[in-house]
N, C-alpha and C. Protein backbone atom coordinates (compact mmCIF):
# COMPACT_ATOMS: atom_id res chain seq x y z
N MET A 1 97.31 93.36 122.57
CA MET A 1 98.59 94.19 122.48
C MET A 1 98.89 94.55 124.04
N ARG A 2 100.01 95.32 124.08
CA ARG A 2 100.41 95.74 125.50
C ARG A 2 100.85 97.30 125.14
N VAL A 3 100.84 98.06 126.06
CA VAL A 3 101.10 99.34 126.05
C VAL A 3 102.47 99.51 125.88
N GLY A 4 103.01 100.36 125.09
CA GLY A 4 104.57 100.47 124.66
C GLY A 4 105.12 99.54 123.73
N GLU A 5 104.28 98.73 123.42
CA GLU A 5 104.75 97.79 122.14
C GLU A 5 105.24 98.58 121.02
N ILE A 6 106.42 97.99 120.39
CA ILE A 6 106.82 98.51 119.21
C ILE A 6 107.17 97.42 118.34
N GLY A 7 107.12 97.86 117.14
CA GLY A 7 106.99 96.84 115.76
C GLY A 7 105.99 95.82 115.66
N LYS A 8 104.80 96.01 116.42
CA LYS A 8 103.58 95.30 116.31
C LYS A 8 102.96 95.44 114.83
N ILE A 9 102.68 94.59 114.11
CA ILE A 9 102.06 94.79 112.81
C ILE A 9 100.58 94.64 112.92
N ILE A 10 99.86 95.79 112.53
CA ILE A 10 98.28 95.62 112.22
C ILE A 10 98.04 95.72 110.67
N ASN A 11 97.18 94.73 110.32
CA ASN A 11 96.89 94.77 108.83
C ASN A 11 95.50 95.14 108.82
N LEU A 12 95.06 96.06 107.72
CA LEU A 12 93.72 96.53 107.52
C LEU A 12 93.33 96.03 106.08
N ILE A 13 92.27 95.24 105.94
CA ILE A 13 91.86 94.87 104.69
C ILE A 13 91.04 96.07 104.19
N THR A 14 91.04 96.44 102.75
CA THR A 14 90.50 97.19 102.18
C THR A 14 89.64 96.64 101.05
N THR A 15 88.74 97.76 100.48
CA THR A 15 87.91 97.32 99.45
C THR A 15 88.12 98.00 98.14
N PHE A 16 89.25 98.25 98.08
CA PHE A 16 89.81 99.34 97.09
C PHE A 16 91.40 98.83 96.67
N ASP A 17 91.58 99.25 95.40
CA ASP A 17 92.86 98.77 95.25
C ASP A 17 93.96 99.89 95.75
N LEU A 18 94.96 99.58 96.15
CA LEU A 18 95.91 100.59 96.68
C LEU A 18 96.99 100.92 95.92
N THR A 19 97.42 100.12 94.89
CA THR A 19 98.52 100.34 94.04
C THR A 19 98.60 101.61 93.43
N GLY A 20 97.55 102.62 93.30
CA GLY A 20 97.96 104.03 92.85
C GLY A 20 98.14 104.96 93.89
N ALA A 21 98.45 104.64 95.26
CA ALA A 21 98.39 105.43 96.24
C ALA A 21 99.70 106.29 96.15
N SER A 22 99.41 107.87 96.47
CA SER A 22 100.32 108.85 96.65
C SER A 22 100.58 108.96 98.13
N VAL A 23 99.35 108.78 98.94
CA VAL A 23 99.61 108.98 100.25
C VAL A 23 99.03 107.76 100.80
N LEU A 24 99.43 106.95 101.66
CA LEU A 24 98.80 106.24 102.79
C LEU A 24 98.80 106.51 104.21
N SER A 25 97.81 106.41 104.95
CA SER A 25 98.00 106.75 106.39
C SER A 25 97.05 105.89 107.09
N VAL A 26 97.17 105.84 108.37
CA VAL A 26 96.24 105.27 109.29
C VAL A 26 95.92 106.28 110.48
N VAL A 27 94.65 106.08 110.98
CA VAL A 27 94.31 106.91 111.90
C VAL A 27 93.87 105.97 113.22
N LEU A 28 94.48 106.30 114.45
CA LEU A 28 94.62 105.79 115.57
C LEU A 28 93.46 106.39 116.59
N LYS A 29 92.46 105.87 116.95
CA LYS A 29 91.67 106.76 117.99
C LYS A 29 91.70 106.03 119.20
N LYS A 30 92.30 106.87 120.24
CA LYS A 30 92.54 106.12 121.41
C LYS A 30 91.39 106.17 122.48
N PRO A 31 91.39 105.34 123.46
CA PRO A 31 90.48 105.11 124.24
C PRO A 31 89.77 106.55 125.04
N ASN A 32 90.86 107.58 124.97
CA ASN A 32 90.12 108.68 125.51
C ASN A 32 89.69 109.73 124.45
N GLY A 33 89.57 109.19 123.13
CA GLY A 33 88.90 110.01 122.14
C GLY A 33 89.95 110.46 121.25
N GLU A 34 91.11 110.76 121.49
CA GLU A 34 92.18 111.50 120.83
C GLU A 34 92.42 110.63 119.65
N GLU A 35 92.81 111.46 118.42
CA GLU A 35 93.16 110.73 117.20
C GLU A 35 94.30 111.15 116.90
N VAL A 36 95.15 110.06 116.48
CA VAL A 36 96.69 110.41 116.00
C VAL A 36 96.63 109.72 114.45
N THR A 37 97.23 110.50 113.43
CA THR A 37 97.30 110.00 112.21
C THR A 37 98.69 109.41 112.05
N LYS A 38 99.06 108.63 111.34
CA LYS A 38 100.41 107.93 111.15
C LYS A 38 100.65 107.85 109.50
N THR A 39 101.69 108.54 109.19
CA THR A 39 101.95 108.30 107.84
C THR A 39 103.48 107.82 107.87
N GLY A 40 104.09 107.79 106.42
CA GLY A 40 105.72 107.51 106.30
C GLY A 40 105.77 105.81 106.33
N SER A 41 107.11 105.65 106.72
CA SER A 41 107.45 104.27 106.55
C SER A 41 106.73 103.19 107.57
N SER A 42 106.00 103.75 108.57
CA SER A 42 105.15 102.59 109.31
C SER A 42 104.02 102.34 108.82
N VAL A 43 103.53 102.91 107.49
CA VAL A 43 102.21 102.65 106.83
C VAL A 43 102.57 102.31 105.49
N THR A 44 102.18 100.93 105.22
CA THR A 44 102.71 100.49 103.60
C THR A 44 101.57 99.70 103.15
N ALA A 45 101.63 99.68 101.83
CA ALA A 45 100.72 98.67 101.01
C ALA A 45 101.59 97.53 100.62
N PRO A 46 101.86 96.22 101.38
CA PRO A 46 102.75 95.57 100.87
C PRO A 46 102.51 95.16 99.24
N ALA A 47 103.84 94.75 98.91
CA ALA A 47 103.62 94.29 97.11
C ALA A 47 103.45 92.88 96.92
N GLU A 48 103.63 92.11 98.03
CA GLU A 48 103.60 90.68 98.20
C GLU A 48 102.45 90.15 98.78
N ASN A 49 101.69 89.07 98.38
CA ASN A 49 100.86 88.44 99.36
C ASN A 49 101.42 87.71 100.43
N ASN A 50 100.55 87.91 101.50
CA ASN A 50 100.93 87.43 102.72
C ASN A 50 100.31 85.88 102.93
N GLU A 51 101.10 84.82 102.41
CA GLU A 51 100.58 83.70 102.44
C GLU A 51 100.08 83.16 103.94
N ALA A 52 100.66 83.54 105.18
CA ALA A 52 100.52 83.44 106.45
C ALA A 52 98.96 83.64 106.70
N THR A 53 98.43 84.75 106.06
CA THR A 53 97.27 85.16 106.70
C THR A 53 96.27 85.27 105.43
N GLY A 54 96.72 84.96 104.32
CA GLY A 54 95.67 85.16 103.17
C GLY A 54 95.54 86.26 102.56
N LEU A 55 96.22 87.46 102.91
CA LEU A 55 96.02 88.73 102.48
C LEU A 55 96.76 88.87 101.04
N ILE A 56 96.00 89.73 100.22
CA ILE A 56 96.49 89.82 98.94
C ILE A 56 97.12 91.25 98.70
N SER A 57 98.31 91.14 98.00
CA SER A 57 99.08 92.53 97.70
C SER A 57 98.21 93.35 97.20
N GLY A 58 98.28 94.82 97.47
CA GLY A 58 97.38 95.89 97.02
C GLY A 58 95.90 95.87 97.51
N GLN A 59 95.79 95.17 98.37
CA GLN A 59 94.39 95.09 99.11
C GLN A 59 94.30 95.18 100.64
N TYR A 60 95.59 95.55 101.08
CA TYR A 60 95.64 95.79 102.49
C TYR A 60 96.78 96.62 103.01
N ILE A 61 96.45 97.46 103.82
CA ILE A 61 97.39 98.52 104.60
C ILE A 61 98.08 98.05 105.75
N GLN A 62 99.36 97.71 105.81
CA GLN A 62 100.07 97.29 107.07
C GLN A 62 100.69 98.56 107.91
N TYR A 63 100.18 98.44 108.90
CA TYR A 63 100.84 99.29 109.99
C TYR A 63 101.84 98.71 111.03
N THR A 64 103.06 99.52 111.42
CA THR A 64 103.91 98.79 112.29
C THR A 64 103.94 99.96 113.46
N THR A 65 103.62 99.62 114.72
CA THR A 65 103.61 100.52 115.63
C THR A 65 105.09 101.02 115.94
N GLU A 66 105.18 102.33 116.45
CA GLU A 66 106.44 102.76 116.48
C GLU A 66 106.50 103.37 117.95
N ALA A 67 107.76 103.61 118.63
CA ALA A 67 107.75 104.11 120.00
C ALA A 67 106.86 105.36 120.32
N GLY A 68 105.93 105.24 121.25
CA GLY A 68 104.97 106.36 121.54
C GLY A 68 103.52 106.25 121.09
N ASP A 69 103.43 105.25 120.21
CA ASP A 69 102.17 105.19 119.55
C ASP A 69 101.04 104.53 120.29
N ILE A 70 101.49 103.56 120.99
CA ILE A 70 100.37 102.81 122.03
C ILE A 70 100.78 103.20 123.45
N ASP A 71 100.22 104.36 123.59
CA ASP A 71 100.52 104.81 125.02
C ASP A 71 99.73 104.85 126.28
N ILE A 72 98.42 104.03 126.02
CA ILE A 72 97.33 104.04 127.11
C ILE A 72 96.71 102.72 126.76
N ASP A 73 96.20 102.26 127.94
CA ASP A 73 95.54 100.86 127.84
C ASP A 73 93.93 101.17 127.63
N GLY A 74 93.32 100.32 126.94
CA GLY A 74 91.73 100.35 126.64
C GLY A 74 91.54 99.61 125.40
N ASP A 75 90.32 100.12 124.95
CA ASP A 75 89.73 99.89 123.62
C ASP A 75 89.87 100.75 122.71
N TRP A 76 90.87 100.40 121.47
CA TRP A 76 91.18 101.24 120.48
C TRP A 76 90.52 101.25 119.18
N GLN A 77 90.54 101.96 118.30
CA GLN A 77 89.90 101.68 116.85
C GLN A 77 91.05 102.43 115.97
N ILE A 78 91.09 101.77 114.75
CA ILE A 78 92.10 102.20 113.73
C ILE A 78 91.42 102.07 112.45
N TYR A 79 91.60 103.02 111.31
CA TYR A 79 91.29 102.82 110.14
C TYR A 79 92.36 103.36 108.85
N GLY A 80 92.25 102.91 107.77
CA GLY A 80 93.08 103.28 106.82
C GLY A 80 92.84 104.42 105.98
N VAL A 81 93.61 105.23 105.47
CA VAL A 81 93.14 106.24 104.54
C VAL A 81 94.08 106.04 103.17
N TYR A 82 93.54 106.08 101.98
CA TYR A 82 94.07 105.93 100.90
C TYR A 82 93.99 107.32 99.99
N GLU A 83 94.87 107.96 99.32
CA GLU A 83 94.86 109.11 98.57
C GLU A 83 95.67 109.10 97.52
N ASP A 84 95.21 109.58 96.26
CA ASP A 84 95.86 109.54 95.04
C ASP A 84 95.81 110.79 94.41
N THR A 85 96.51 111.31 93.25
CA THR A 85 96.63 112.38 92.69
C THR A 85 95.52 112.85 91.92
N THR A 86 94.51 112.04 91.82
CA THR A 86 93.39 112.08 90.78
C THR A 86 92.38 113.38 91.32
N PRO A 87 91.97 113.88 92.35
CA PRO A 87 92.31 113.26 93.68
C PRO A 87 91.00 112.18 94.09
N LYS A 88 91.58 111.10 94.64
CA LYS A 88 90.64 110.46 95.30
C LYS A 88 91.18 110.15 96.78
N LYS A 89 90.14 110.04 97.47
CA LYS A 89 90.30 109.69 99.10
C LYS A 89 89.31 108.49 99.32
N TYR A 90 90.01 107.58 99.99
CA TYR A 90 89.09 106.39 100.33
C TYR A 90 89.23 105.86 101.90
N PHE A 91 88.59 105.61 102.58
CA PHE A 91 88.84 104.87 104.04
C PHE A 91 88.34 103.56 104.05
N SER A 92 89.37 102.79 104.87
CA SER A 92 88.59 101.32 105.02
C SER A 92 87.87 101.51 106.22
N ASP A 93 87.25 100.33 106.27
CA ASP A 93 86.45 100.22 107.60
C ASP A 93 87.23 100.17 108.95
N ASN A 94 86.59 100.63 110.00
CA ASN A 94 87.09 100.72 111.30
C ASN A 94 87.40 99.39 111.61
N ALA A 95 88.66 99.14 112.44
CA ALA A 95 88.90 97.83 113.14
C ALA A 95 89.14 98.36 114.72
N ALA A 96 88.90 97.30 115.44
CA ALA A 96 89.16 97.63 116.95
C ALA A 96 90.14 96.63 117.59
N PHE A 97 90.86 97.14 118.52
CA PHE A 97 91.75 96.18 119.17
C PHE A 97 91.89 96.83 120.63
N SER A 98 92.15 95.74 121.56
CA SER A 98 92.55 96.17 123.08
C SER A 98 93.90 96.18 123.22
N VAL A 99 94.13 97.05 124.34
CA VAL A 99 95.33 97.42 124.73
C VAL A 99 95.44 97.03 126.25
N SER A 100 96.40 96.12 126.93
CA SER A 100 96.54 96.21 128.31
C SER A 100 97.66 96.71 128.85
N GLU A 101 97.87 96.96 130.22
CA GLU A 101 99.13 97.61 130.79
C GLU A 101 100.30 96.59 130.36
């Protein structure tokens, strides 16, 4: 990935069912240690299986980068957060990715 990319899709596999989520978010940890939480239309749990990747609906969070999200180069981390009204709050495993200029 490169600094400034918009519309790049990152999929996070979870070990829990996402169908009852009232809030889905992802937390990005930048190389400088700053954490940014993203919610809204850029964070979804797709209702269809992704045939190209083998991902199963309700078992992965899909995050689409927006303007200003990927703003520095280096090694990043990301994880997903699931919340519902019972209240339950679950976290996905961390994933890592590199960003270049």
